[in-house]
N, C-alpha and C. Protein backbone atom coordinates (compact mmCIF):
# COMPACT_ATOMS: atom_id res chain seq x y z
N MET A 1 54.95 -94.48 -76.94
CA MET A 1 56.14 -94.34 -76.67
C MET A 1 56.54 -94.61 -75.38
N SER A 2 56.17 -95.14 -74.07
CA SER A 2 56.74 -94.63 -73.56
C SER A 2 58.30 -95.05 -72.77
N THR A 3 58.89 -93.93 -72.55
CA THR A 3 60.41 -94.12 -72.44
C THR A 3 61.04 -92.74 -71.47
N ALA A 4 62.02 -93.09 -70.65
CA ALA A 4 61.61 -92.23 -69.05
C ALA A 4 62.94 -91.90 -70.51
N ILE A 5 62.13 -89.91 -69.87
CA ILE A 5 63.28 -89.20 -69.98
C ILE A 5 64.23 -88.16 -69.53
N PRO A 6 65.46 -87.46 -69.94
CA PRO A 6 66.11 -87.24 -69.14
C PRO A 6 65.78 -85.65 -68.64
N SER A 7 66.23 -86.13 -67.68
CA SER A 7 65.73 -84.20 -67.03
C SER A 7 67.42 -83.31 -67.04
N PHE A 8 67.27 -82.46 -67.25
CA PHE A 8 67.49 -80.93 -67.80
C PHE A 8 67.29 -79.86 -66.19
N GLU A 9 68.54 -78.98 -66.33
CA GLU A 9 68.67 -78.01 -66.00
C GLU A 9 69.59 -76.30 -66.32
N LEU A 10 68.78 -75.34 -67.51
CA LEU A 10 69.84 -75.11 -68.31
C LEU A 10 69.64 -73.31 -67.81
N ARG A 11 70.73 -72.71 -68.32
CA ARG A 11 70.04 -71.25 -68.39
C ARG A 11 69.53 -70.75 -69.39
N ASN A 12 68.47 -70.17 -68.60
CA ASN A 12 67.45 -69.31 -69.90
C ASN A 12 67.31 -68.08 -69.85
N ALA A 13 67.47 -68.00 -71.48
CA ALA A 13 67.79 -66.38 -72.41
C ALA A 13 66.92 -65.49 -72.20
N GLY A 14 65.76 -66.47 -72.12
CA GLY A 14 64.35 -66.24 -72.47
C GLY A 14 63.22 -65.85 -71.39
N VAL A 15 62.03 -66.01 -71.40
CA VAL A 15 60.89 -66.07 -70.59
C VAL A 15 60.93 -66.55 -69.60
N GLY A 16 61.00 -66.67 -68.21
CA GLY A 16 61.02 -67.56 -67.19
C GLY A 16 61.65 -67.56 -66.57
N PRO A 17 61.77 -69.05 -65.18
CA PRO A 17 62.96 -68.67 -64.68
C PRO A 17 64.30 -68.83 -65.20
N ASP A 18 64.79 -68.71 -64.46
CA ASP A 18 66.87 -68.96 -65.02
C ASP A 18 67.81 -69.03 -63.84
N PRO A 19 67.77 -70.28 -63.34
CA PRO A 19 67.84 -71.80 -64.57
C PRO A 19 66.24 -71.97 -64.64
N LEU A 20 66.09 -72.92 -66.11
CA LEU A 20 65.03 -73.28 -66.48
C LEU A 20 65.05 -75.07 -66.35
N SER A 21 64.99 -75.58 -65.07
CA SER A 21 64.59 -77.34 -65.22
C SER A 21 63.65 -78.07 -66.12
N LEU A 22 63.70 -79.35 -66.21
CA LEU A 22 62.17 -79.57 -66.92
C LEU A 22 61.30 -79.90 -66.11
N ASP A 23 61.71 -80.08 -64.22
CA ASP A 23 60.83 -80.37 -63.66
C ASP A 23 60.12 -78.87 -62.90
N GLU A 24 60.61 -77.54 -63.74
CA GLU A 24 59.91 -76.13 -63.27
C GLU A 24 59.20 -76.36 -65.03
N ILE A 25 59.32 -76.96 -66.10
CA ILE A 25 59.05 -77.08 -67.29
C ILE A 25 56.85 -77.42 -66.67
N ALA A 26 56.95 -79.05 -65.73
CA ALA A 26 56.55 -79.99 -65.66
C ALA A 26 54.89 -79.55 -64.32
N GLU A 27 55.60 -78.41 -63.80
CA GLU A 27 55.29 -77.38 -62.56
C GLU A 27 54.10 -76.80 -63.23
N ARG A 28 54.15 -76.32 -64.55
CA ARG A 28 53.36 -75.30 -65.08
C ARG A 28 52.52 -75.78 -66.07
N VAL A 29 52.71 -76.53 -67.28
CA VAL A 29 52.20 -77.07 -68.51
C VAL A 29 52.07 -78.64 -68.68
N ASP A 30 50.73 -78.59 -69.38
CA ASP A 30 50.75 -80.18 -68.92
C ASP A 30 51.70 -80.93 -70.44
N PHE A 31 52.31 -80.20 -71.40
CA PHE A 31 53.11 -80.54 -72.44
C PHE A 31 54.59 -80.16 -72.46
N ALA A 32 54.97 -80.46 -73.34
CA ALA A 32 56.14 -79.39 -74.07
C ALA A 32 56.36 -79.98 -74.71
N ILE A 33 57.26 -79.27 -75.26
CA ILE A 33 58.11 -79.18 -77.09
C ILE A 33 58.92 -78.62 -76.78
N LEU A 34 60.10 -79.86 -76.75
CA LEU A 34 62.11 -79.39 -76.94
C LEU A 34 62.46 -79.09 -78.59
N LEU A 35 62.62 -78.08 -78.34
CA LEU A 35 63.40 -77.88 -80.49
C LEU A 35 64.67 -77.55 -80.10
N LEU A 36 65.18 -78.94 -80.11
CA LEU A 36 66.94 -78.83 -80.32
C LEU A 36 67.54 -78.46 -81.31
N LEU A 37 68.38 -77.11 -81.42
CA LEU A 37 68.57 -76.51 -82.03
C LEU A 37 69.94 -77.02 -82.77
N ARG A 38 70.54 -76.88 -83.78
CA ARG A 38 71.59 -77.05 -84.66
C ARG A 38 73.17 -75.80 -83.43
N ASP A 39 72.75 -74.98 -84.48
CA ASP A 39 73.69 -74.11 -83.86
C ASP A 39 73.89 -72.62 -84.18
N ALA A 40 73.75 -71.10 -83.62
CA ALA A 40 73.65 -69.89 -83.80
C ALA A 40 74.73 -69.65 -84.89
N HIS A 41 74.30 -69.81 -85.39
CA HIS A 41 74.61 -69.64 -87.74
C HIS A 41 73.84 -69.88 -88.05
N CYS A 42 72.82 -70.81 -88.27
CA CYS A 42 72.08 -71.55 -88.74
C CYS A 42 70.79 -70.79 -88.92
N PRO A 43 70.72 -70.50 -90.26
CA PRO A 43 68.92 -69.98 -90.73
C PRO A 43 68.56 -70.93 -89.97
N LYS A 44 68.58 -71.92 -90.25
CA LYS A 44 66.36 -72.53 -90.30
C LYS A 44 66.21 -72.41 -89.11
N CYS A 45 67.58 -72.11 -87.84
CA CYS A 45 66.99 -72.47 -86.09
C CYS A 45 66.69 -70.84 -86.00
N LYS A 46 66.94 -69.66 -86.41
CA LYS A 46 66.75 -68.66 -86.21
C LYS A 46 65.17 -68.15 -86.94
N GLN A 47 64.73 -68.91 -88.07
CA GLN A 47 63.66 -69.07 -89.32
C GLN A 47 63.03 -69.68 -87.43
N GLN A 48 62.62 -71.29 -87.16
CA GLN A 48 62.11 -71.52 -86.42
C GLN A 48 62.01 -70.87 -85.16
N VAL A 49 63.22 -70.66 -84.61
CA VAL A 49 62.58 -70.00 -83.18
C VAL A 49 61.75 -68.39 -83.65
N GLN A 50 61.77 -67.85 -84.41
CA GLN A 50 61.27 -66.82 -84.47
C GLN A 50 59.85 -66.70 -85.02
N ARG A 51 59.35 -68.18 -85.80
CA ARG A 51 58.01 -68.90 -85.80
C ARG A 51 57.50 -69.34 -84.77
N VAL A 52 57.95 -69.44 -83.74
CA VAL A 52 57.45 -70.08 -82.74
C VAL A 52 57.30 -69.20 -81.61
N GLY A 53 58.17 -68.34 -81.94
CA GLY A 53 57.12 -66.59 -80.75
C GLY A 53 56.30 -66.34 -81.24
N ARG A 54 56.19 -66.22 -82.65
CA ARG A 54 55.42 -65.39 -83.11
C ARG A 54 53.51 -66.13 -82.69
N LYS A 55 53.41 -67.86 -82.45
CA LYS A 55 52.52 -68.71 -82.29
C LYS A 55 52.49 -68.80 -80.57
N ALA A 56 53.55 -68.11 -79.81
CA ALA A 56 53.06 -68.30 -78.78
C ALA A 56 51.72 -68.68 -77.74
N GLY A 57 51.24 -67.36 -78.12
CA GLY A 57 49.46 -67.24 -77.78
C GLY A 57 48.41 -68.54 -78.25
N LYS A 58 49.27 -69.38 -79.72
CA LYS A 58 48.67 -70.70 -80.01
C LYS A 58 49.31 -72.08 -78.57
N VAL A 59 50.55 -71.69 -78.69
CA VAL A 59 50.81 -72.70 -77.90
C VAL A 59 50.34 -73.09 -76.48
N GLN A 60 50.57 -71.37 -75.55
CA GLN A 60 49.93 -71.54 -74.60
C GLN A 60 48.10 -71.77 -74.27
N ARG A 61 48.08 -71.62 -74.95
CA ARG A 61 46.08 -72.01 -75.10
C ARG A 61 46.05 -73.32 -75.40
N ARG A 62 47.44 -74.29 -75.61
CA ARG A 62 47.51 -75.54 -75.15
C ARG A 62 48.09 -76.12 -74.13
N ASP A 63 48.17 -75.71 -73.14
CA ASP A 63 48.97 -75.88 -71.99
C ASP A 63 50.31 -76.32 -72.14
N THR A 64 50.73 -75.92 -73.35
CA THR A 64 52.04 -76.45 -73.55
C THR A 64 52.98 -75.40 -73.59
N ALA A 65 54.29 -75.97 -73.14
CA ALA A 65 55.21 -74.47 -73.30
C ALA A 65 56.76 -75.17 -75.10
N VAL A 66 57.17 -74.32 -75.44
CA VAL A 66 57.80 -74.50 -76.67
C VAL A 66 59.09 -74.12 -76.10
N VAL A 67 59.93 -75.03 -76.05
CA VAL A 67 61.82 -74.53 -75.72
C VAL A 67 62.75 -74.61 -76.20
N PRO A 68 62.81 -74.05 -76.84
CA PRO A 68 64.53 -74.45 -78.07
C PRO A 68 65.43 -74.67 -76.94
N VAL A 69 66.39 -75.20 -77.27
CA VAL A 69 67.51 -75.47 -76.58
C VAL A 69 68.58 -75.03 -77.74
N LEU A 70 69.37 -74.06 -77.75
CA LEU A 70 70.01 -73.20 -78.65
C LEU A 70 71.47 -74.23 -78.40
N PRO A 71 72.87 -75.08 -78.20
CA PRO A 71 73.70 -76.02 -77.56
C PRO A 71 75.16 -74.65 -77.84
N GLU A 72 74.54 -73.50 -77.70
CA GLU A 72 76.04 -72.24 -77.54
C GLU A 72 75.98 -71.70 -75.98
N GLY A 73 76.93 -70.63 -75.67
CA GLY A 73 76.64 -70.56 -75.25
C GLY A 73 75.62 -69.44 -74.06
N TYR A 74 75.17 -68.77 -73.39
CA TYR A 74 74.44 -67.68 -72.43
C TYR A 74 74.00 -66.95 -73.21
N GLU A 75 75.45 -65.66 -73.32
CA GLU A 75 75.28 -64.69 -74.09
C GLU A 75 75.26 -64.72 -75.26
N THR A 76 74.94 -65.45 -76.39
CA THR A 76 74.67 -65.88 -77.76
C THR A 76 72.65 -66.12 -77.56
N ALA A 77 72.68 -67.20 -76.96
CA ALA A 77 71.20 -67.10 -76.21
C ALA A 77 70.00 -65.87 -75.53
N LEU A 78 70.98 -65.26 -75.62
CA LEU A 78 70.27 -63.78 -74.31
C LEU A 78 70.60 -63.00 -76.00
N GLU A 79 71.39 -63.17 -76.82
CA GLU A 79 71.27 -62.16 -77.83
C GLU A 79 70.21 -62.40 -78.96
N TRP A 80 70.03 -63.78 -78.94
CA TRP A 80 69.17 -64.23 -79.61
C TRP A 80 67.37 -63.65 -78.85
N SER A 81 67.07 -64.08 -78.30
CA SER A 81 66.15 -63.96 -77.68
C SER A 81 66.34 -62.24 -77.54
N ASP A 82 66.79 -61.39 -77.28
CA ASP A 82 66.95 -60.04 -77.06
C ASP A 82 66.74 -59.47 -79.09
N ARG A 83 67.21 -60.09 -79.96
CA ARG A 83 67.21 -59.32 -80.89
C ARG A 83 65.41 -60.23 -81.81
N TYR A 84 65.09 -61.48 -81.34
CA TYR A 84 64.31 -61.56 -81.98
C TYR A 84 62.85 -61.64 -80.87
N ASP A 85 63.37 -60.82 -79.86
CA ASP A 85 62.14 -60.52 -79.39
C ASP A 85 61.09 -61.48 -78.57
N LEU A 86 61.62 -62.60 -78.52
CA LEU A 86 61.37 -63.98 -78.20
C LEU A 86 60.39 -63.89 -77.10
N PRO A 87 58.93 -64.68 -77.01
CA PRO A 87 58.46 -64.54 -76.01
C PRO A 87 58.02 -65.94 -75.39
N ILE A 88 59.30 -66.42 -75.60
CA ILE A 88 59.21 -68.15 -74.86
C ILE A 88 61.02 -68.70 -73.73
N PRO A 89 60.78 -69.16 -73.72
CA PRO A 89 62.20 -69.01 -73.08
C PRO A 89 62.93 -70.22 -74.34
N LEU A 90 64.11 -69.66 -74.28
CA LEU A 90 65.77 -69.75 -74.76
C LEU A 90 66.03 -70.57 -74.24
N LEU A 91 67.04 -71.53 -73.77
CA LEU A 91 67.82 -72.05 -73.00
C LEU A 91 69.00 -72.39 -73.60
N ALA A 92 70.20 -72.51 -73.45
CA ALA A 92 71.36 -72.26 -73.37
C ALA A 92 72.26 -72.92 -73.26
N ASP A 93 73.29 -74.02 -73.73
CA ASP A 93 73.40 -75.19 -73.67
C ASP A 93 74.54 -75.78 -73.81
N PRO A 94 75.72 -75.11 -73.67
CA PRO A 94 77.17 -74.85 -74.38
C PRO A 94 78.00 -76.78 -74.57
N ALA A 95 77.54 -76.96 -73.50
CA ALA A 95 78.00 -78.78 -73.70
C ALA A 95 77.29 -79.29 -74.86
N GLY A 96 76.46 -78.80 -74.94
CA GLY A 96 75.51 -79.89 -75.97
C GLY A 96 74.33 -80.97 -75.08
N ALA A 97 74.62 -81.23 -73.70
CA ALA A 97 74.58 -82.52 -73.00
C ALA A 97 73.24 -82.59 -72.74
N VAL A 98 71.55 -81.54 -73.36
CA VAL A 98 70.22 -81.99 -73.46
C VAL A 98 70.58 -82.68 -75.13
N GLY A 99 71.05 -82.26 -76.00
CA GLY A 99 71.11 -82.86 -77.14
C GLY A 99 71.51 -84.29 -76.94
N ASP A 100 72.52 -84.28 -76.22
CA ASP A 100 73.40 -86.07 -76.49
C ASP A 100 72.24 -86.95 -75.93
N SER A 101 71.91 -86.18 -74.64
CA SER A 101 70.62 -86.89 -73.33
C SER A 101 69.61 -87.17 -74.16
N TYR A 102 69.47 -86.28 -75.35
CA TYR A 102 68.49 -86.49 -76.15
C TYR A 102 68.54 -87.47 -77.54
N ASP A 103 69.24 -88.17 -77.60
CA ASP A 103 70.24 -88.69 -78.89
C ASP A 103 70.09 -87.43 -79.95
N GLN A 104 70.05 -86.62 -80.25
CA GLN A 104 69.69 -85.52 -81.71
C GLN A 104 70.87 -86.73 -82.71
N PRO A 105 70.04 -86.07 -83.74
CA PRO A 105 71.57 -86.54 -85.09
C PRO A 105 72.24 -85.83 -85.26
N ARG A 106 73.43 -86.46 -85.67
CA ARG A 106 74.24 -86.26 -86.04
C ARG A 106 74.94 -86.84 -87.73
N ARG A 107 75.39 -86.06 -88.11
CA ARG A 107 76.13 -86.86 -88.73
C ARG A 107 77.81 -86.02 -89.72
N PHE A 108 78.59 -87.21 -90.20
CA PHE A 108 79.85 -86.91 -90.91
C PHE A 108 80.85 -87.59 -89.55
N GLY A 109 80.43 -88.36 -88.95
CA GLY A 109 80.75 -88.99 -87.95
C GLY A 109 81.63 -88.39 -86.78
N ALA A 110 83.31 -87.93 -86.84
CA ALA A 110 83.92 -87.81 -86.05
C ALA A 110 83.72 -86.42 -85.86
N LEU A 111 84.14 -85.80 -87.12
CA LEU A 111 84.10 -84.62 -87.79
C LEU A 111 82.61 -83.92 -87.66
N GLY A 112 81.18 -84.22 -87.84
CA GLY A 112 80.35 -83.28 -87.09
C GLY A 112 80.34 -83.54 -85.46
N ARG A 113 81.06 -84.66 -85.19
CA ARG A 113 80.83 -84.60 -83.52
C ARG A 113 81.86 -83.35 -82.81
N LEU A 114 82.90 -82.48 -84.20
CA LEU A 114 83.28 -81.29 -83.51
C LEU A 114 82.97 -79.97 -83.91
N HIS A 115 82.27 -80.20 -84.99
CA HIS A 115 81.21 -79.10 -85.86
C HIS A 115 80.08 -79.01 -85.65
N ASP A 116 79.66 -78.71 -84.52
CA ASP A 116 78.17 -79.27 -84.30
C ASP A 116 77.85 -78.37 -85.54
N PHE A 117 78.24 -76.78 -86.69
CA PHE A 117 77.31 -76.47 -87.47
C PHE A 117 77.42 -77.60 -89.23
N ILE A 118 78.69 -78.16 -89.49
CA ILE A 118 77.98 -79.68 -90.29
C ILE A 118 77.30 -80.58 -89.44
N GLY A 119 77.17 -80.91 -88.20
CA GLY A 119 76.69 -82.88 -87.93
C GLY A 119 75.97 -82.24 -87.01
N ARG A 120 75.87 -81.39 -86.20
CA ARG A 120 74.19 -81.68 -85.26
C ARG A 120 73.29 -81.38 -86.69
N MET A 121 72.13 -82.39 -86.03
CA MET A 121 70.39 -82.03 -87.44
C MET A 121 69.62 -81.48 -85.89
N PRO A 122 68.81 -80.90 -86.47
CA PRO A 122 67.62 -80.20 -85.81
C PRO A 122 66.43 -81.66 -85.27
N LYS A 123 66.18 -81.11 -83.67
CA LYS A 123 65.39 -82.17 -83.44
C LYS A 123 63.70 -82.51 -82.96
N ALA A 124 62.74 -82.51 -82.36
CA ALA A 124 61.37 -81.98 -82.01
C ALA A 124 61.40 -83.14 -81.13
N ILE A 125 61.58 -82.78 -79.59
CA ILE A 125 60.23 -83.98 -79.09
C ILE A 125 59.43 -83.61 -78.34
N THR A 126 57.96 -84.04 -78.61
CA THR A 126 56.68 -83.87 -77.70
C THR A 126 56.74 -84.93 -76.28
N LEU A 127 56.87 -84.10 -75.10
CA LEU A 127 56.87 -84.50 -73.90
C LEU A 127 55.48 -84.04 -73.07
N ASP A 128 54.92 -85.83 -73.12
CA ASP A 128 53.46 -85.52 -71.49
C ASP A 128 54.00 -85.26 -70.23
N LEU A 129 53.68 -84.10 -69.92
CA LEU A 129 54.37 -83.44 -68.45
C LEU A 129 53.11 -84.30 -67.39
N ARG A 130 51.55 -85.08 -68.23
CA ARG A 130 50.68 -84.96 -67.26
C ARG A 130 51.06 -86.22 -66.72
N GLY A 131 51.83 -86.38 -65.18
CA GLY A 131 51.74 -87.45 -64.73
C GLY A 131 53.92 -87.97 -64.73
N ALA A 132 53.89 -89.15 -64.63
CA ALA A 132 55.20 -89.30 -65.21
C ALA A 132 55.66 -88.94 -66.07
N PRO A 133 56.32 -87.87 -66.32
CA PRO A 133 57.01 -87.02 -67.77
C PRO A 133 57.54 -88.60 -69.31
N GLU A 134 56.93 -88.38 -69.88
CA GLU A 134 57.87 -88.99 -71.33
C GLU A 134 57.21 -88.51 -72.64
N ILE A 135 58.52 -89.11 -73.54
CA ILE A 135 57.84 -88.13 -74.67
C ILE A 135 56.76 -89.55 -75.10
N VAL A 136 56.65 -88.89 -75.64
CA VAL A 136 55.30 -89.58 -76.96
C VAL A 136 55.51 -88.85 -78.16
N GLU A 137 56.74 -87.92 -78.82
CA GLU A 137 56.64 -88.47 -80.00
C GLU A 137 58.18 -86.99 -80.14
N SER A 138 58.64 -87.85 -81.55
CA SER A 138 60.18 -87.12 -81.56
C SER A 138 60.46 -87.33 -82.79
N TYR A 139 61.14 -86.56 -83.66
CA TYR A 139 61.31 -85.96 -84.93
C TYR A 139 62.62 -85.81 -85.39
N GLU A 140 63.45 -86.55 -85.29
CA GLU A 140 64.85 -85.87 -86.25
C GLU A 140 64.82 -85.41 -88.18
N GLY A 141 65.46 -84.70 -87.38
CA GLY A 141 65.29 -84.26 -88.94
C GLY A 141 66.85 -85.34 -89.55
N SER A 142 67.21 -84.76 -91.13
CA SER A 142 68.10 -85.75 -91.75
C SER A 142 68.82 -84.57 -92.45
N THR A 143 68.44 -83.15 -92.33
CA THR A 143 69.32 -82.31 -93.14
C THR A 143 69.10 -81.26 -92.48
N PRO A 144 69.80 -79.99 -92.33
CA PRO A 144 69.72 -79.12 -91.05
C PRO A 144 68.04 -77.99 -91.86
N SER A 145 67.37 -78.32 -92.91
CA SER A 145 65.88 -77.97 -92.99
C SER A 145 64.95 -78.78 -93.06
N ASP A 146 65.20 -79.99 -92.73
CA ASP A 146 64.22 -80.71 -91.80
C ASP A 146 64.09 -80.41 -90.85
N ARG A 147 62.43 -80.23 -90.67
CA ARG A 147 62.12 -79.70 -89.43
C ARG A 147 60.63 -79.92 -89.63
N PRO A 148 59.97 -79.88 -88.43
CA PRO A 148 58.53 -79.67 -88.34
C PRO A 148 57.88 -78.78 -87.82
N THR A 149 56.91 -78.29 -88.96
CA THR A 149 56.61 -76.50 -88.16
C THR A 149 55.81 -76.70 -86.57
N ILE A 150 55.49 -75.70 -86.88
CA ILE A 150 54.78 -75.52 -85.09
C ILE A 150 53.72 -75.71 -85.24
N GLU A 151 52.84 -75.92 -86.65
CA GLU A 151 51.43 -76.42 -86.65
C GLU A 151 51.05 -77.48 -86.87
N GLU A 152 52.38 -78.51 -87.69
CA GLU A 152 52.84 -79.62 -87.08
C GLU A 152 52.60 -80.35 -85.61
N LEU A 153 53.59 -79.59 -84.79
CA LEU A 153 54.07 -79.87 -83.37
C LEU A 153 52.34 -79.72 -82.66
N LEU A 154 51.93 -78.61 -83.38
CA LEU A 154 50.55 -78.01 -82.29
C LEU A 154 49.78 -79.57 -82.29
N GLU A 155 49.22 -79.99 -83.68
CA GLU A 155 48.49 -80.83 -84.44
C GLU A 155 48.45 -82.20 -83.39
N ALA A 156 49.56 -82.73 -83.29
CA ALA A 156 50.44 -83.29 -82.02
C ALA A 156 49.90 -83.88 -81.00
N VAL A 157 50.24 -82.05 -80.07
CA VAL A 157 49.68 -81.98 -79.35
C VAL A 157 48.35 -82.10 -79.09
N ASP A 158 47.35 -82.12 -80.16
CA ASP A 158 45.88 -81.80 -79.52
C ASP A 158 45.68 -83.70 -79.80
N ASP A 159 46.20 -84.10 -80.38
CA ASP A 159 45.71 -85.38 -80.85
C ASP A 159 46.43 -86.45 -79.34
N LEU A 160 46.99 -85.45 -78.54
CA LEU A 160 47.56 -86.34 -77.09
C LEU A 160 46.05 -86.57 -76.27
N ARG A 161 45.61 -84.33 -76.52
CA ARG A 161 44.57 -84.38 -75.49
C ARG A 161 43.47 -85.09 -76.20
N GLU A 162 43.24 -85.11 -76.97
CA GLU A 162 41.78 -85.96 -77.80
C GLU A 162 42.11 -87.62 -77.14
N SER A 163 43.38 -87.94 -76.98
CA SER A 163 43.13 -89.25 -76.83
C SER A 163 43.33 -89.94 -75.21
N PHE A 164 42.36 -89.33 -74.67
CA PHE A 164 42.30 -89.35 -73.72
C PHE A 164 41.26 -90.55 -73.34
N VAL A 165 42.05 -91.53 -72.94
CA VAL A 165 40.50 -92.65 -73.21
C VAL A 165 39.93 -93.10 -71.88
N PHE A 166 38.65 -93.46 -71.09
CA PHE A 166 37.53 -93.04 -70.44
C PHE A 166 37.49 -94.89 -69.96
N ASP A 167 37.36 -94.42 -68.86
CA ASP A 167 37.10 -96.13 -67.86
C ASP A 167 35.73 -96.03 -67.72
N CYS A 168 35.04 -96.89 -68.20
CA CYS A 168 34.49 -97.48 -68.99
C CYS A 168 33.27 -97.44 -67.89
N GLU A 169 34.11 -98.16 -66.00
CA GLU A 169 33.30 -98.36 -64.98
C GLU A 169 33.05 -96.90 -64.24
N LEU A 170 33.28 -96.41 -64.29
CA LEU A 170 33.75 -95.12 -64.09
C LEU A 170 33.00 -94.07 -65.11
N VAL A 171 32.09 -94.18 -66.51
CA VAL A 171 31.34 -93.28 -66.98
C VAL A 171 30.70 -93.83 -68.06
N ASN A 172 29.98 -93.84 -68.15
CA ASN A 172 28.80 -94.54 -69.14
C ASN A 172 29.15 -94.66 -70.79
N CYS A 173 29.64 -95.36 -70.97
CA CYS A 173 30.39 -95.55 -72.73
C CYS A 173 29.52 -95.81 -73.31
């Protein structure tokens, strides 16, 4: 799935530069996993970022960054980062622009667009940043708790690493 991806630059309440842009992420790692969260009140989102934080070493060894995007203000993101002692970036997106540009699913029509807590669903996007950035996998949650585990997301990265195709004119196949 080769798709042009929207760029972004947001305030970062976690580890790394503030603000943090997609270009800066691409300079540092081969893969990125964007976790588009629902809102600051979502217990599943809180659990997810804590689980990802505990697996930061496994993520880093794969030359990958997991970047949660919270559709809230910087102060709320900073509170999360401090409370959960996150060793990863945590981007604040009060306008929900990244979720909108990456087609984060919503439910309940106009009402869901007014209230993230009932409307916005989780989404995980795996980006291949080797060369021109592209979306290589996307998982859209259909309920607030419908989201892949960090292990499942890292399996997808491992599969991408193993899918390298040799040019048989340059390598004896």
